């Protein structure tokens, strides 16, 4: 009897230890309190957007839709270029009749999940799972296809130029104030073909084609306000391979460290959600535009050291 009691006591203590350990572990993940959807419906002013970015970093994205209530995505995001509502470039994936290709593909979507450092969405008609992870000046997509039809990848510049050199996209989009944003983007699998080597002008776009039964593609890219060479350097500095999960892990760690500069005692779970979401919003600005010790100034249109 006494031995049975001791065994029960030991097991009980062990269970309490596990529960306490798990609770302690979860309490350190401050990024889990952040809800990027807070404020996404506005009754008067422009709403907040569910922005995926690292603190004070140059690359930011959010879903390409009007606001939280929008039921269609206009392609997939590449870079946000202003505080609210403006973006550069556009990535689309399509399986179907080649005659239906267009510069930007609209999607109905479901199962969207956004955190400060990654983004998942399911494209309904395409039956494509999209996963995205962000770094400071680079990002990576993982596209998993449900159909067996040939795959088409479309990169669009709303006003600019694009090139395909057989390995990667490169090019720019013209912004306001004589500013250009540059991109260098490469897939992990080389395509079967490309519709052209270069495109320019309004809605300039290039299309890569992949064979039937392509299961998955990954695309990594870097951005720059200096040139495409620097965009490539930014990418290679931050990513050595095609590992979205690894990029997301680093992003999660960065956010936990940043949000951990302020500790909160007491209050409810909802109180912490409001507080840490507000704190996350403060790191949208200012933006560090230094690229290997250089930066482009929109004030004078020059590159400075």
C-alpha atoms as a PDB file:
ATOM      1  CA  UNK A   1       0.000   0.000   0.000  1.00  0.00           C
ATOM      2  CA  UNK A   2       2.747   2.406   1.012  1.00  0.00           C
ATOM      3  CA  UNK A   3       4.776   1.459  -2.089  1.00  0.00           C
ATOM      4  CA  UNK A   4       1.748   2.097  -4.308  1.00  0.00           C
ATOM      5  CA  UNK A   5       1.263   5.503  -2.666  1.00  0.00           C
ATOM      6  CA  UNK A   6       4.896   6.424  -3.304  1.00  0.00           C
ATOM      7  CA  UNK A   7       4.604   5.388  -6.946  1.00  0.00           C
ATOM      8  CA  UNK A   8       1.461   7.506  -7.367  1.00  0.00           C
ATOM      9  CA  UNK A   9       3.180  10.444  -5.643  1.00  0.00           C
ATOM     10  CA  UNK A  10       6.235  10.209  -7.921  1.00  0.00           C
ATOM     11  CA  UNK A  11       4.091   9.993 -11.050  1.00  0.00           C
ATOM     12  CA  UNK A  12       2.023  12.969  -9.880  1.00  0.00           C
ATOM     13  CA  UNK A  13       5.128  15.059  -9.249  1.00  0.00           C
ATOM     14  CA  UNK A  14       6.476  14.145 -12.681  1.00  0.00           C
ATOM     15  CA  UNK A  15       3.241  15.219 -14.384  1.00  0.00           C
ATOM     16  CA  UNK A  16       3.233  18.527 -12.494  1.00  0.00           C
ATOM     17  CA  UNK A  17       6.859  19.066 -13.538  1.00  0.00           C
ATOM     18  CA  UNK A  18       5.989  18.482 -17.195  1.00  0.00           C
ATOM     19  CA  UNK A  19       3.026  20.862 -17.070  1.00  0.00           C
ATOM     20  CA  UNK A  20       5.096  23.530 -15.325  1.00  0.00           C
ATOM     21  CA  UNK A  21       7.935  23.113 -17.824  1.00  0.00           C
ATOM     22  CA  UNK A  22       5.587  23.419 -20.787  1.00  0.00           C
ATOM     23  CA  UNK A  23       3.898  26.492 -19.324  1.00  0.00           C
ATOM     24  CA  UNK A  24       7.266  28.077 -18.610  1.00  0.00           C
ATOM     25  CA  UNK A  25       8.471  27.315 -22.129  1.00  0.00           C
ATOM     26  CA  UNK A  26       5.353  28.787 -23.722  1.00  0.00           C
ATOM     27  CA  UNK A  27       5.539  31.943 -21.619  1.00  0.00           C
ATOM     28  CA  UNK A  28       8.909  32.810 -23.185  1.00  0.00           C
ATOM     29  CA  UNK A  29       7.464  32.755 -26.709  1.00  0.00           C
ATOM     30  CA  UNK A  30       6.257  36.330 -26.663  1.00  0.00           C
ATOM     31  CA  UNK A  31       5.809  36.378 -30.428  1.00  0.00           C
ATOM     32  CA  UNK A  32       2.830  34.050 -29.976  1.00  0.00           C
ATOM     33  CA  UNK A  33       0.943  36.895 -28.284  1.00  0.00           C
ATOM     34  CA  UNK A  34       1.156  38.969 -31.476  1.00  0.00           C
ATOM     35  CA  UNK A  35      -2.023  39.008 -33.567  1.00  0.00           C
ATOM     36  CA  UNK A  36      -1.249  40.707 -36.917  1.00  0.00           C
ATOM     37  CA  UNK A  37      -4.978  40.814 -37.730  1.00  0.00           C
ATOM     38  CA  UNK A  38      -5.796  43.314 -34.956  1.00  0.00           C
ATOM     39  CA  UNK A  39      -6.956  46.576 -36.525  1.00  0.00           C
ATOM     40  CA  UNK A  40      -7.329  45.073 -40.010  1.00  0.00           C
ATOM     41  CA  UNK A  41     -10.911  46.368 -40.268  1.00  0.00           C
ATOM     42  CA  UNK A  42     -11.140  50.152 -40.047  1.00  0.00           C
ATOM     43  CA  UNK A  43     -14.293  52.180 -39.473  1.00  0.00           C
ATOM     44  CA  UNK A  44     -12.712  55.495 -40.460  1.00  0.00           C
ATOM     45  CA  UNK A  45      -9.020  55.561 -41.395  1.00  0.00           C
ATOM     46  CA  UNK A  46      -6.806  53.158 -43.333  1.00  0.00           C
ATOM     47  CA  UNK A  47      -6.633  49.827 -41.468  1.00  0.00           C
ATOM     48  CA  UNK A  48      -3.534  48.135 -40.180  1.00  0.00           C
ATOM     49  CA  UNK A  49      -2.148  45.334 -42.330  1.00  0.00           C
ATOM     50  CA  UNK A  50      -0.964  41.873 -41.212  1.00  0.00           C
ATOM     51  CA  UNK A  51       2.654  42.621 -42.007  1.00  0.00           C
ATOM     52  CA  UNK A  52       5.290  39.902 -42.172  1.00  0.00           C
ATOM     53  CA  UNK A  53       8.704  41.399 -41.433  1.00  0.00           C
ATOM     54  CA  UNK A  54      11.601  41.441 -39.017  1.00  0.00           C
ATOM     55  CA  UNK A  55      12.051  44.414 -36.661  1.00  0.00           C
ATOM     56  CA  UNK A  56      12.983  47.640 -38.510  1.00  0.00           C
ATOM     57  CA  UNK A  57      13.924  45.639 -41.607  1.00  0.00           C
ATOM     58  CA  UNK A  58      13.703  46.552 -45.275  1.00  0.00           C
ATOM     59  CA  UNK A  59      11.654  43.642 -46.600  1.00  0.00           C
ATOM     60  CA  UNK A  60       7.998  43.609 -45.570  1.00  0.00           C
ATOM     61  CA  UNK A  61       5.033  41.808 -47.129  1.00  0.00           C
ATOM     62  CA  UNK A  62       1.339  41.325 -46.519  1.00  0.00           C
ATOM     63  CA  UNK A  63      -1.384  39.611 -48.579  1.00  0.00           C
ATOM     64  CA  UNK A  64      -2.238  41.288 -51.872  1.00  0.00           C
ATOM     65  CA  UNK A  65      -5.846  42.225 -51.100  1.00  0.00           C
ATOM     66  CA  UNK A  66      -7.787  45.400 -50.388  1.00  0.00           C
ATOM     67  CA  UNK A  67      -8.204  44.711 -46.657  1.00  0.00           C
ATOM     68  CA  UNK A  68      -9.090  41.952 -44.219  1.00  0.00           C
ATOM     69  CA  UNK A  69     -12.560  41.537 -45.748  1.00  0.00           C
ATOM     70  CA  UNK A  70     -11.240  41.015 -49.290  1.00  0.00           C
ATOM     71  CA  UNK A  71     -12.133  37.578 -50.655  1.00  0.00           C
ATOM     72  CA  UNK A  72      -9.553  37.516 -53.461  1.00  0.00           C
ATOM     73  CA  UNK A  73      -5.758  37.672 -53.501  1.00  0.00           C
ATOM     74  CA  UNK A  74      -4.122  39.475 -56.407  1.00  0.00           C
ATOM     75  CA  UNK A  75      -1.151  37.168 -56.770  1.00  0.00           C
ATOM     76  CA  UNK A  76       1.463  36.736 -54.044  1.00  0.00           C
ATOM     77  CA  UNK A  77       3.423  39.582 -52.421  1.00  0.00           C
ATOM     78  CA  UNK A  78       7.115  40.316 -52.978  1.00  0.00           C
ATOM     79  CA  UNK A  79       7.742  43.648 -51.205  1.00  0.00           C
ATOM     80  CA  UNK A  80       5.821  46.478 -49.534  1.00  0.00           C
ATOM     81  CA  UNK A  81       7.210  49.882 -50.485  1.00  0.00           C
ATOM     82  CA  UNK A  82       5.339  52.311 -48.250  1.00  0.00           C
ATOM     83  CA  UNK A  83       3.737  52.416 -44.827  1.00  0.00           C
ATOM     84  CA  UNK A  84       0.289  51.442 -46.056  1.00  0.00           C
ATOM     85  CA  UNK A  85      -1.182  50.003 -49.228  1.00  0.00           C
ATOM     86  CA  UNK A  86       1.660  50.079 -51.790  1.00  0.00           C
ATOM     87  CA  UNK A  87       3.736  47.156 -52.979  1.00  0.00           C
ATOM     88  CA  UNK A  88       6.253  46.272 -55.673  1.00  0.00           C
ATOM     89  CA  UNK A  89       6.407  43.274 -57.998  1.00  0.00           C
ATOM     90  CA  UNK A  90       3.986  40.398 -57.897  1.00  0.00           C
ATOM     91  CA  UNK A  91       4.416  36.633 -58.026  1.00  0.00           C
ATOM     92  CA  UNK A  92       1.727  34.348 -59.433  1.00  0.00           C
ATOM     93  CA  UNK A  93       1.577  30.587 -59.802  1.00  0.00           C
ATOM     94  CA  UNK A  94      -0.823  28.897 -62.203  1.00  0.00           C
ATOM     95  CA  UNK A  95      -1.794  25.403 -63.345  1.00  0.00           C
ATOM     96  CA  UNK A  96      -4.176  25.176 -66.282  1.00  0.00           C
ATOM     97  CA  UNK A  97      -4.610  26.362 -69.862  1.00  0.00           C
ATOM     98  CA  UNK A  98      -1.623  28.466 -70.942  1.00  0.00           C
ATOM     99  CA  UNK A  99      -4.034  30.790 -72.769  1.00  0.00           C
ATOM    100  CA  UNK A 100      -5.428  31.860 -69.388  1.00  0.00           C
ATOM    101  CA  UNK A 101      -2.106  33.298 -68.216  1.00  0.00           C
ATOM    102  CA  UNK A 102      -2.073  36.984 -67.274  1.00  0.00           C
ATOM    103  CA  UNK A 103       0.405  39.314 -65.482  1.00  0.00           C
ATOM    104  CA  UNK A 104      -1.382  38.856 -62.131  1.00  0.00           C
ATOM    105  CA  UNK A 105      -3.559  35.854 -61.249  1.00  0.00           C
ATOM    106  CA  UNK A 106      -6.489  36.391 -58.827  1.00  0.00           C
ATOM    107  CA  UNK A 107      -7.066  33.647 -56.254  1.00  0.00           C
ATOM    108  CA  UNK A 108      -9.767  32.691 -53.819  1.00  0.00           C
ATOM    109  CA  UNK A 109      -8.074  31.464 -50.678  1.00  0.00           C
ATOM    110  CA  UNK A 110      -8.490  29.715 -47.347  1.00  0.00           C
ATOM    111  CA  UNK A 111      -6.629  28.561 -44.208  1.00  0.00           C
ATOM    112  CA  UNK A 112      -4.574  31.733 -44.054  1.00  0.00           C
ATOM    113  CA  UNK A 113      -2.221  32.045 -41.097  1.00  0.00           C
ATOM    114  CA  UNK A 114       0.088  34.997 -40.539  1.00  0.00           C
ATOM    115  CA  UNK A 115       2.733  35.571 -37.879  1.00  0.00           C
ATOM    116  CA  UNK A 116       5.295  38.377 -37.729  1.00  0.00           C
ATOM    117  CA  UNK A 117       7.860  36.107 -39.423  1.00  0.00           C
ATOM    118  CA  UNK A 118       5.939  33.751 -41.770  1.00  0.00           C
ATOM    119  CA  UNK A 119       2.802  33.359 -43.860  1.00  0.00           C
ATOM    120  CA  UNK A 120       0.718  30.408 -45.034  1.00  0.00           C
ATOM    121  CA  UNK A 121      -2.241  30.382 -47.401  1.00  0.00           C
ATOM    122  CA  UNK A 122      -4.089  27.802 -49.477  1.00  0.00           C
ATOM    123  CA  UNK A 123      -5.144  28.791 -53.005  1.00  0.00           C
ATOM    124  CA  UNK A 124      -8.510  27.108 -53.528  1.00  0.00           C
ATOM    125  CA  UNK A 125      -8.942  26.556 -57.273  1.00  0.00           C
ATOM    126  CA  UNK A 126      -5.240  25.991 -57.819  1.00  0.00           C
ATOM    127  CA  UNK A 127      -5.085  23.571 -54.871  1.00  0.00           C
ATOM    128  CA  UNK A 128      -1.701  25.064 -54.027  1.00  0.00           C
ATOM    129  CA  UNK A 129      -0.257  25.465 -50.533  1.00  0.00           C
ATOM    130  CA  UNK A 130       1.883  28.575 -50.158  1.00  0.00           C
ATOM    131  CA  UNK A 131       4.401  29.033 -47.353  1.00  0.00           C
ATOM    132  CA  UNK A 132       6.566  32.131 -46.965  1.00  0.00           C
ATOM    133  CA  UNK A 133       9.301  33.134 -44.516  1.00  0.00           C
ATOM    134  CA  UNK A 134      11.032  36.500 -44.279  1.00  0.00           C
ATOM    135  CA  UNK A 135      14.517  37.710 -43.421  1.00  0.00           C
ATOM    136  CA  UNK A 136      15.861  41.288 -43.292  1.00  0.00           C
ATOM    137  CA  UNK A 137      16.422  41.898 -47.015  1.00  0.00           C
ATOM    138  CA  UNK A 138      15.385  38.549 -48.468  1.00  0.00           C
ATOM    139  CA  UNK A 139      12.469  36.139 -48.449  1.00  0.00           C
ATOM    140  CA  UNK A 140      11.628  32.612 -49.555  1.00  0.00           C
ATOM    141  CA  UNK A 141       8.526  30.873 -50.916  1.00  0.00           C
ATOM    142  CA  UNK A 142       7.639  27.189 -50.813  1.00  0.00           C
ATOM    143  CA  UNK A 143       4.861  26.214 -53.239  1.00  0.00           C
ATOM    144  CA  UNK A 144       3.278  22.758 -52.983  1.00  0.00           C
ATOM    145  CA  UNK A 145       0.966  21.731 -55.824  1.00  0.00           C
ATOM    146  CA  UNK A 146      -2.152  19.571 -55.640  1.00  0.00           C
ATOM    147  CA  UNK A 147      -2.761  19.348 -59.393  1.00  0.00           C
ATOM    148  CA  UNK A 148      -0.630  17.397 -61.867  1.00  0.00           C
ATOM    149  CA  UNK A 149      -0.897  19.957 -64.703  1.00  0.00           C
ATOM    150  CA  UNK A 150       2.145  21.907 -65.930  1.00  0.00           C
ATOM    151  CA  UNK A 151       3.160  24.746 -63.603  1.00  0.00           C
ATOM    152  CA  UNK A 152       3.641  28.367 -64.653  1.00  0.00           C
ATOM    153  CA  UNK A 153       5.421  30.966 -62.528  1.00  0.00           C
ATOM    154  CA  UNK A 154       4.816  34.615 -63.351  1.00  0.00           C
ATOM    155  CA  UNK A 155       6.889  37.512 -62.024  1.00  0.00           C
ATOM    156  CA  UNK A 156       5.398  40.926 -62.717  1.00  0.00           C
ATOM    157  CA  UNK A 157       6.816  44.450 -62.402  1.00  0.00           C
ATOM    158  CA  UNK A 158       4.039  46.999 -62.444  1.00  0.00           C
ATOM    159  CA  UNK A 159       6.287  49.611 -64.070  1.00  0.00           C
ATOM    160  CA  UNK A 160       9.850  48.612 -64.801  1.00  0.00           C
ATOM    161  CA  UNK A 161      12.047  45.929 -66.337  1.00  0.00           C
ATOM    162  CA  UNK A 162      12.670  42.222 -65.786  1.00  0.00           C
ATOM    163  CA  UNK A 163      15.271  39.784 -67.133  1.00  0.00           C
ATOM    164  CA  UNK A 164      15.689  35.998 -67.020  1.00  0.00           C
ATOM    165  CA  UNK A 165      19.285  34.792 -67.438  1.00  0.00           C
ATOM    166  CA  UNK A 166      18.566  31.075 -67.375  1.00  0.00           C
ATOM    167  CA  UNK A 167      19.059  30.851 -63.622  1.00  0.00           C
ATOM    168  CA  UNK A 168      17.303  33.791 -61.980  1.00  0.00           C
ATOM    169  CA  UNK A 169      14.975  36.751 -62.428  1.00  0.00           C
ATOM    170  CA  UNK A 170      16.374  40.233 -61.954  1.00  0.00           C
ATOM    171  CA  UNK A 171      14.980  43.690 -62.520  1.00  0.00           C
ATOM    172  CA  UNK A 172      13.359  46.740 -60.981  1.00  0.00           C
ATOM    173  CA  UNK A 173      10.093  48.552 -60.439  1.00  0.00           C
ATOM    174  CA  UNK A 174       9.869  52.328 -60.610  1.00  0.00           C
ATOM    175  CA  UNK A 175       8.490  53.961 -57.464  1.00  0.00           C
ATOM    176  CA  UNK A 176       7.777  57.574 -56.564  1.00  0.00           C
ATOM    177  CA  UNK A 177      10.486  60.166 -55.821  1.00  0.00           C
ATOM    178  CA  UNK A 178      12.847  58.813 -58.507  1.00  0.00           C
ATOM    179  CA  UNK A 179      13.253  55.634 -56.486  1.00  0.00           C
ATOM    180  CA  UNK A 180      13.613  52.128 -57.852  1.00  0.00           C
ATOM    181  CA  UNK A 181      13.345  48.853 -55.974  1.00  0.00           C
ATOM    182  CA  UNK A 182      15.402  45.982 -57.390  1.00  0.00           C
ATOM    183  CA  UNK A 183      14.889  42.246 -57.100  1.00  0.00           C
ATOM    184  CA  UNK A 184      16.982  39.129 -57.665  1.00  0.00           C
ATOM    185  CA  UNK A 185      14.937  35.907 -57.493  1.00  0.00           C
ATOM    186  CA  UNK A 186      15.949  32.320 -58.182  1.00  0.00           C
ATOM    187  CA  UNK A 187      14.031  29.006 -58.099  1.00  0.00           C
ATOM    188  CA  UNK A 188      15.473  25.830 -56.612  1.00  0.00           C
ATOM    189  CA  UNK A 189      14.564  23.887 -59.785  1.00  0.00           C
ATOM    190  CA  UNK A 190      15.386  25.219 -63.223  1.00  0.00           C
ATOM    191  CA  UNK A 191      12.360  25.575 -65.527  1.00  0.00           C
ATOM    192  CA  UNK A 192      11.534  23.708 -68.688  1.00  0.00           C
ATOM    193  CA  UNK A 193      11.292  27.005 -70.519  1.00  0.00           C
ATOM    194  CA  UNK A 194      10.677  30.761 -70.331  1.00  0.00           C
ATOM    195  CA  UNK A 195       8.380  32.890 -72.467  1.00  0.00           C
ATOM    196  CA  UNK A 196      11.105  35.505 -73.007  1.00  0.00           C
ATOM    197  CA  UNK A 197      14.454  36.743 -71.727  1.00  0.00           C
ATOM    198  CA  UNK A 198      13.349  40.303 -70.960  1.00  0.00           C
ATOM    199  CA  UNK A 199      10.274  42.487 -70.530  1.00  0.00           C
ATOM    200  CA  UNK A 200       9.742  46.184 -69.830  1.00  0.00           C
ATOM    201  CA  UNK A 201       7.004  48.765 -69.379  1.00  0.00           C
ATOM    202  CA  UNK A 202       3.629  48.651 -67.675  1.00  0.00           C
ATOM    203  CA  UNK A 203       2.901  45.225 -66.164  1.00  0.00           C
ATOM    204  CA  UNK A 204       6.163  43.845 -67.535  1.00  0.00           C
ATOM    205  CA  UNK A 205       6.203  40.142 -66.761  1.00  0.00           C
ATOM    206  CA  UNK A 206       8.061  36.923 -67.488  1.00  0.00           C
ATOM    207  CA  UNK A 207       6.717  33.376 -67.318  1.00  0.00           C
ATOM    208  CA  UNK A 208       8.600  30.202 -66.404  1.00  0.00           C
ATOM    209  CA  UNK A 209       7.098  26.815 -67.260  1.00  0.00           C
ATOM    210  CA  UNK A 210       7.550  23.522 -65.419  1.00  0.00           C
ATOM    211  CA  UNK A 211       6.457  20.020 -66.503  1.00  0.00           C
ATOM    212  CA  UNK A 212       3.446  18.031 -65.356  1.00  0.00           C
ATOM    213  CA  UNK A 213       3.624  16.310 -61.968  1.00  0.00           C
ATOM    214  CA  UNK A 214       5.829  19.014 -60.468  1.00  0.00           C
ATOM    215  CA  UNK A 215       5.165  18.559 -56.758  1.00  0.00           C
ATOM    216  CA  UNK A 216       6.939  21.511 -55.166  1.00  0.00           C
ATOM    217  CA  UNK A 217       8.968  24.603 -55.992  1.00  0.00           C
ATOM    218  CA  UNK A 218      10.926  26.995 -53.817  1.00  0.00           C
ATOM    219  CA  UNK A 219      11.900  30.543 -54.729  1.00  0.00           C
ATOM    220  CA  UNK A 220      14.251  32.740 -52.762  1.00  0.00           C
ATOM    221  CA  UNK A 221      14.913  36.394 -53.482  1.00  0.00           C
ATOM    222  CA  UNK A 222      16.660  39.513 -52.297  1.00  0.00           C
ATOM    223  CA  UNK A 223      15.659  43.143 -52.684  1.00  0.00           C
ATOM    224  CA  UNK A 224      17.674  46.353 -52.881  1.00  0.00           C
ATOM    225  CA  UNK A 225      17.266  50.080 -53.430  1.00  0.00           C
ATOM    226  CA  UNK A 226      20.740  50.217 -55.037  1.00  0.00           C
ATOM    227  CA  UNK A 227      20.818  47.705 -57.923  1.00  0.00           C
ATOM    228  CA  UNK A 228      20.239  44.053 -58.833  1.00  0.00           C
ATOM    229  CA  UNK A 229      23.834  43.147 -57.983  1.00  0.00           C
ATOM    230  CA  UNK A 230      23.270  44.351 -54.424  1.00  0.00           C
ATOM    231  CA  UNK A 231      19.918  42.527 -54.291  1.00  0.00           C
ATOM    232  CA  UNK A 232      21.776  39.300 -55.096  1.00  0.00           C
ATOM    233  CA  UNK A 233      24.378  40.057 -52.422  1.00  0.00           C
ATOM    234  CA  UNK A 234      21.646  40.702 -49.869  1.00  0.00           C
ATOM    235  CA  UNK A 235      20.070  37.339 -50.687  1.00  0.00           C
ATOM    236  CA  UNK A 236      23.295  35.353 -50.490  1.00  0.00           C
ATOM    237  CA  UNK A 237      24.340  37.099 -47.282  1.00  0.00           C
ATOM    238  CA  UNK A 238      21.155  35.998 -45.537  1.00  0.00           C
ATOM    239  CA  UNK A 239      20.379  32.627 -47.157  1.00  0.00           C
ATOM    240  CA  UNK A 240      22.793  29.854 -48.060  1.00  0.00           C
ATOM    241  CA  UNK A 241      20.116  27.477 -49.328  1.00  0.00           C
ATOM    242  CA  UNK A 242      16.407  26.951 -49.875  1.00  0.00           C
ATOM    243  CA  UNK A 243      15.244  26.356 -46.310  1.00  0.00           C
ATOM    244  CA  UNK A 244      12.045  28.269 -45.424  1.00  0.00           C
ATOM    245  CA  UNK A 245      11.688  26.485 -42.074  1.00  0.00           C
ATOM    246  CA  UNK A 246      15.202  27.547 -41.064  1.00  0.00           C
ATOM    247  CA  UNK A 247      14.506  31.144 -42.097  1.00  0.00           C
ATOM    248  CA  UNK A 248      11.273  31.102 -40.078  1.00  0.00           C
ATOM    249  CA  UNK A 249      13.068  29.720 -37.010  1.00  0.00           C
ATOM    250  CA  UNK A 250      15.574  32.592 -37.147  1.00  0.00           C
ATOM    251  CA  UNK A 251      12.750  35.089 -37.602  1.00  0.00           C
ATOM    252  CA  UNK A 252      10.862  33.687 -34.631  1.00  0.00           C
ATOM    253  CA  UNK A 253      13.983  33.922 -32.480  1.00  0.00           C
ATOM    254  CA  UNK A 254      14.597  37.511 -33.589  1.00  0.00           C
ATOM    255  CA  UNK A 255      11.055  38.547 -32.686  1.00  0.00           C
ATOM    256  CA  UNK A 256      11.169  36.809 -29.306  1.00  0.00           C
ATOM    257  CA  UNK A 257      14.411  38.600 -28.457  1.00  0.00           C
ATOM    258  CA  UNK A 258      13.051  41.963 -29.601  1.00  0.00           C
ATOM    259  CA  UNK A 259       9.689  41.702 -27.847  1.00  0.00           C
ATOM    260  CA  UNK A 260      11.470  40.383 -24.756  1.00  0.00           C
ATOM    261  CA  UNK A 261      13.023  43.796 -24.129  1.00  0.00           C
ATOM    262  CA  UNK A 262       9.807  44.612 -22.268  1.00  0.00           C
ATOM    263  CA  UNK A 263       8.439  42.092 -19.781  1.00  0.00           C
ATOM    264  CA  UNK A 264       4.831  42.179 -18.612  1.00  0.00           C
ATOM    265  CA  UNK A 265       3.673  40.904 -15.219  1.00  0.00           C
ATOM    266  CA  UNK A 266       0.008  40.369 -14.463  1.00  0.00           C
ATOM    267  CA  UNK A 267      -2.870  41.109 -16.767  1.00  0.00           C
ATOM    268  CA  UNK A 268      -4.948  38.680 -18.783  1.00  0.00           C
ATOM    269  CA  UNK A 269      -3.950  36.799 -21.912  1.00  0.00           C
ATOM    270  CA  UNK A 270      -5.931  39.305 -24.010  1.00  0.00           C
ATOM    271  CA  UNK A 271      -4.094  42.187 -22.338  1.00  0.00           C
ATOM    272  CA  UNK A 272      -0.786  40.667 -23.431  1.00  0.00           C
ATOM    273  CA  UNK A 273      -2.094  40.140 -26.965  1.00  0.00           C
ATOM    274  CA  UNK A 274      -2.969  43.835 -27.228  1.00  0.00           C
ATOM    275  CA  UNK A 275       0.328  44.945 -25.687  1.00  0.00           C
ATOM    276  CA  UNK A 276       2.696  42.760 -27.721  1.00  0.00           C
ATOM    277  CA  UNK A 277       0.767  43.347 -30.943  1.00  0.00           C
ATOM    278  CA  UNK A 278       1.113  47.093 -30.366  1.00  0.00           C
ATOM    279  CA  UNK A 279       4.815  46.643 -29.648  1.00  0.00           C
ATOM    280  CA  UNK A 280       5.224  44.633 -32.860  1.00  0.00           C
ATOM    281  CA  UNK A 281       3.620  47.507 -34.780  1.00  0.00           C
ATOM    282  CA  UNK A 282       6.206  49.982 -33.492  1.00  0.00           C
ATOM    283  CA  UNK A 283       8.954  48.027 -35.270  1.00  0.00           C
ATOM    284  CA  UNK A 284       7.554  48.807 -38.720  1.00  0.00           C
ATOM    285  CA  UNK A 285       9.410  52.122 -38.476  1.00  0.00           C
ATOM    286  CA  UNK A 286      12.083  53.331 -38.780  1.00  0.00           C
ATOM    287  CA  UNK A 287      13.443  51.080 -41.544  1.00  0.00           C
ATOM    288  CA  UNK A 288      17.124  50.241 -41.809  1.00  0.00           C
ATOM    289  CA  UNK A 289      18.061  50.793 -45.476  1.00  0.00           C
ATOM    290  CA  UNK A 290      21.769  50.101 -45.067  1.00  0.00           C
ATOM    291  CA  UNK A 291      23.007  47.491 -47.551  1.00  0.00           C
ATOM    292  CA  UNK A 292      26.550  46.340 -46.793  1.00  0.00           C
ATOM    293  CA  UNK A 293      27.401  49.837 -45.574  1.00  0.00           C
ATOM    294  CA  UNK A 294      25.750  51.689 -48.473  1.00  0.00           C
ATOM    295  CA  UNK A 295      22.279  53.168 -48.871  1.00  0.00           C
ATOM    296  CA  UNK A 296      20.151  54.913 -51.490  1.00  0.00           C
ATOM    297  CA  UNK A 297      18.768  58.308 -50.462  1.00  0.00           C
ATOM    298  CA  UNK A 298      15.456  59.346 -52.027  1.00  0.00           C
ATOM    299  CA  UNK A 299      16.250  62.898 -50.851  1.00  0.00           C
ATOM    300  CA  UNK A 300      19.000  63.450 -53.443  1.00  0.00           C
ATOM    301  CA  UNK A 301      18.728  60.296 -55.570  1.00  0.00           C
ATOM    302  CA  UNK A 302      22.298  59.281 -54.743  1.00  0.00           C
ATOM    303  CA  UNK A 303      23.961  56.229 -53.222  1.00  0.00           C
ATOM    304  CA  UNK A 304      25.947  57.020 -50.088  1.00  0.00           C
ATOM    305  CA  UNK A 305      28.501  55.138 -48.023  1.00  0.00           C
END
